[in-house]
Amino acid sequence: MLNKNTIHAITCALLVALILSSCQHSDLPKQAEANKTTKTLETFYPGDITKIDSIEIMSGSDGFTKKTTDSRLIQDWIEKIRHLNITLDPEQEDTTGVLFHVTMFEQGKVVFYMTPTDINHQRIEPQDELADLMTELYQAIS
């Protein structure tokens, strides 16, 4: 029969082995990278993005909403954003509060929604260039 010290030593060795095995390199970051997909912004749009005829933008800081139907302003802004590379990131943490919420309409019907971290309720990697262009749009609408 094993003595008390031997049992204690075996128990400690098993505990150390268990702890060390849980510290092994994980493939989770590689899996998360594999789930990321990069596409241009316009490919997320469910039709022809140039058919947008109204945009509503809400400031996340004060909740103030601006809306425009100025077709030239809308088309100029769409040309700036449509080719931006957007990376879907299903592992991206949910955010609370955003800089802007942009809602796009065709003939009064909501057809597209985005923030700098979300497109049509799909999480994306934070997109600084898109955030800057949203700021530009917000300032351009009187």
Protein backbone atom coordinates (compact mmCIF):
# COMPACT_ATOMS: atom_id res chain seq x y z
CA MET A 1 0.00 0.00 0.00
CA LEU A 2 1.22 3.53 -0.75
CA ASN A 3 2.16 5.76 2.11
CA LYS A 4 0.61 9.14 2.74
CA ASN A 5 3.55 11.15 1.28
CA THR A 6 3.48 9.17 -1.97
CA ILE A 7 -0.27 9.75 -2.42
CA HIS A 8 0.24 13.45 -1.68
CA ALA A 9 3.08 13.69 -4.25
CA ILE A 10 1.02 11.91 -6.94
CA THR A 11 -1.97 14.19 -6.26
CA CYS A 12 0.21 17.31 -6.55
CA ALA A 13 1.82 16.04 -9.75
CA LEU A 14 -1.60 15.36 -11.30
CA LEU A 15 -2.81 18.82 -10.28
CA VAL A 16 0.25 20.49 -11.84
CA ALA A 17 -0.17 18.40 -15.02
CA LEU A 18 -3.83 19.44 -15.22
CA ILE A 19 -2.98 23.12 -14.81
CA LEU A 20 -0.20 22.96 -17.40
CA SER A 21 -2.37 21.15 -19.92
CA SER A 22 -5.00 23.89 -19.67
CA CYS A 23 -2.32 26.48 -20.52
CA GLN A 24 -1.52 24.97 -23.92
CA HIS A 25 -1.70 27.11 -27.06
CA SER A 26 -5.26 27.44 -28.32
CA ASP A 27 -6.49 27.49 -31.90
CA LEU A 28 -9.30 29.89 -30.96
CA PRO A 29 -7.62 33.01 -32.43
CA LYS A 30 -7.05 31.13 -35.71
CA GLN A 31 -10.70 30.04 -35.74
CA ALA A 32 -11.85 33.62 -35.08
CA GLU A 33 -9.68 34.83 -37.97
CA ALA A 34 -11.19 32.19 -40.25
CA ASN A 35 -14.70 33.48 -39.44
CA LYS A 36 -13.83 37.00 -40.60
CA THR A 37 -14.94 37.96 -44.10
CA THR A 38 -13.92 41.18 -45.88
CA LYS A 39 -16.21 42.68 -48.52
CA THR A 40 -16.96 46.11 -49.88
CA LEU A 41 -19.71 47.98 -48.09
CA GLU A 42 -22.02 48.02 -51.10
CA THR A 43 -22.14 44.20 -51.14
CA PHE A 44 -24.02 44.31 -47.82
CA TYR A 45 -26.74 46.40 -49.44
CA PRO A 46 -29.76 44.32 -50.53
CA GLY A 47 -30.04 45.93 -53.97
CA ASP A 48 -28.64 48.87 -55.90
CA ILE A 49 -27.15 51.23 -53.32
CA THR A 50 -27.43 54.16 -55.75
CA LYS A 51 -31.24 53.98 -55.43
CA ILE A 52 -31.11 55.43 -51.90
CA ASP A 53 -33.30 58.53 -51.87
CA SER A 54 -33.23 59.50 -48.20
CA ILE A 55 -30.76 59.18 -45.32
CA GLU A 56 -31.37 59.68 -41.62
CA ILE A 57 -28.37 60.00 -39.31
CA MET A 58 -28.59 60.10 -35.53
CA SER A 59 -25.79 61.32 -33.33
CA GLY A 60 -24.95 58.82 -30.62
CA SER A 61 -23.71 61.58 -28.34
CA ASP A 62 -26.93 63.59 -28.04
CA GLY A 63 -29.58 61.60 -29.92
CA PHE A 64 -30.19 64.46 -32.35
CA THR A 65 -31.40 63.20 -35.74
CA LYS A 66 -30.87 64.79 -39.14
CA LYS A 67 -32.49 63.68 -42.38
CA THR A 68 -31.74 64.53 -46.00
CA THR A 69 -33.34 63.91 -49.35
CA ASP A 70 -30.72 65.97 -51.20
CA SER A 71 -29.93 63.54 -54.03
CA ARG A 72 -26.54 65.11 -54.81
CA LEU A 73 -25.39 64.93 -51.18
CA ILE A 74 -26.67 61.34 -50.89
CA GLN A 75 -24.99 60.14 -54.11
CA ASP A 76 -21.70 61.90 -53.29
CA TRP A 77 -21.65 60.27 -49.86
CA ILE A 78 -22.56 56.84 -51.24
CA GLU A 79 -19.66 57.10 -53.71
CA LYS A 80 -17.32 57.71 -50.77
CA ILE A 81 -18.54 54.74 -48.71
CA ARG A 82 -19.57 52.08 -51.23
CA HIS A 83 -16.06 50.74 -51.89
CA LEU A 84 -14.86 50.73 -48.27
CA ASN A 85 -13.57 47.33 -47.20
CA ILE A 86 -15.65 46.04 -44.31
CA THR A 87 -14.64 43.01 -42.27
CA LEU A 88 -17.39 40.99 -40.65
CA ASP A 89 -16.36 39.97 -37.17
CA PRO A 90 -18.87 37.68 -35.45
CA GLU A 91 -16.55 37.53 -32.43
CA GLN A 92 -16.55 41.33 -32.04
CA GLU A 93 -17.90 42.31 -28.64
CA ASP A 94 -21.20 44.16 -28.56
CA THR A 95 -20.72 47.85 -28.03
CA THR A 96 -22.78 50.24 -26.02
CA GLY A 97 -23.17 53.61 -27.62
CA VAL A 98 -21.89 54.54 -31.03
CA LEU A 99 -20.84 57.68 -32.80
CA PHE A 100 -23.67 57.61 -35.38
CA HIS A 101 -26.59 55.47 -36.55
CA VAL A 102 -27.25 55.80 -40.29
CA THR A 103 -30.53 54.58 -41.76
CA MET A 104 -31.03 54.57 -45.52
CA PHE A 105 -34.38 54.62 -47.29
CA GLU A 106 -35.80 53.86 -50.70
CA GLN A 107 -39.22 55.45 -51.28
CA GLY A 108 -39.81 55.82 -47.54
CA LYS A 109 -38.91 52.21 -46.73
CA VAL A 110 -35.95 51.41 -44.47
CA VAL A 111 -33.53 49.30 -46.51
CA PHE A 112 -30.17 49.64 -44.79
CA TYR A 113 -28.79 50.40 -41.34
CA MET A 114 -25.24 50.88 -40.15
CA THR A 115 -22.95 52.19 -37.45
CA PRO A 116 -19.13 52.15 -37.43
CA THR A 117 -19.34 48.71 -35.73
CA ASP A 118 -22.47 47.15 -37.26
CA ILE A 119 -24.03 46.76 -40.72
CA ASN A 120 -27.61 45.50 -40.92
CA HIS A 121 -27.18 44.04 -37.43
CA GLN A 122 -24.02 42.13 -38.37
CA ARG A 123 -21.01 42.96 -36.23
CA ILE A 124 -17.99 44.34 -38.06
CA GLU A 125 -14.50 45.34 -37.06
CA PRO A 126 -14.62 48.99 -35.96
CA GLN A 127 -14.28 51.09 -39.10
CA ASP A 128 -12.59 54.48 -38.47
CA GLU A 129 -12.87 55.64 -42.08
CA LEU A 130 -16.60 54.94 -42.09
CA ALA A 131 -16.94 56.80 -38.78
CA ASP A 132 -15.12 59.81 -40.28
CA LEU A 133 -17.39 59.76 -43.34
CA MET A 134 -20.45 59.59 -41.08
CA THR A 135 -19.17 62.64 -39.20
CA GLU A 136 -18.72 64.40 -42.55
CA LEU A 137 -22.29 63.53 -43.59
CA TYR A 138 -23.74 64.66 -40.26
CA GLN A 139 -21.98 68.02 -40.58
CA ALA A 140 -23.07 68.42 -44.22
CA ILE A 141 -26.79 68.04 -43.46
CA SER A 142 -28.28 71.36 -42.40
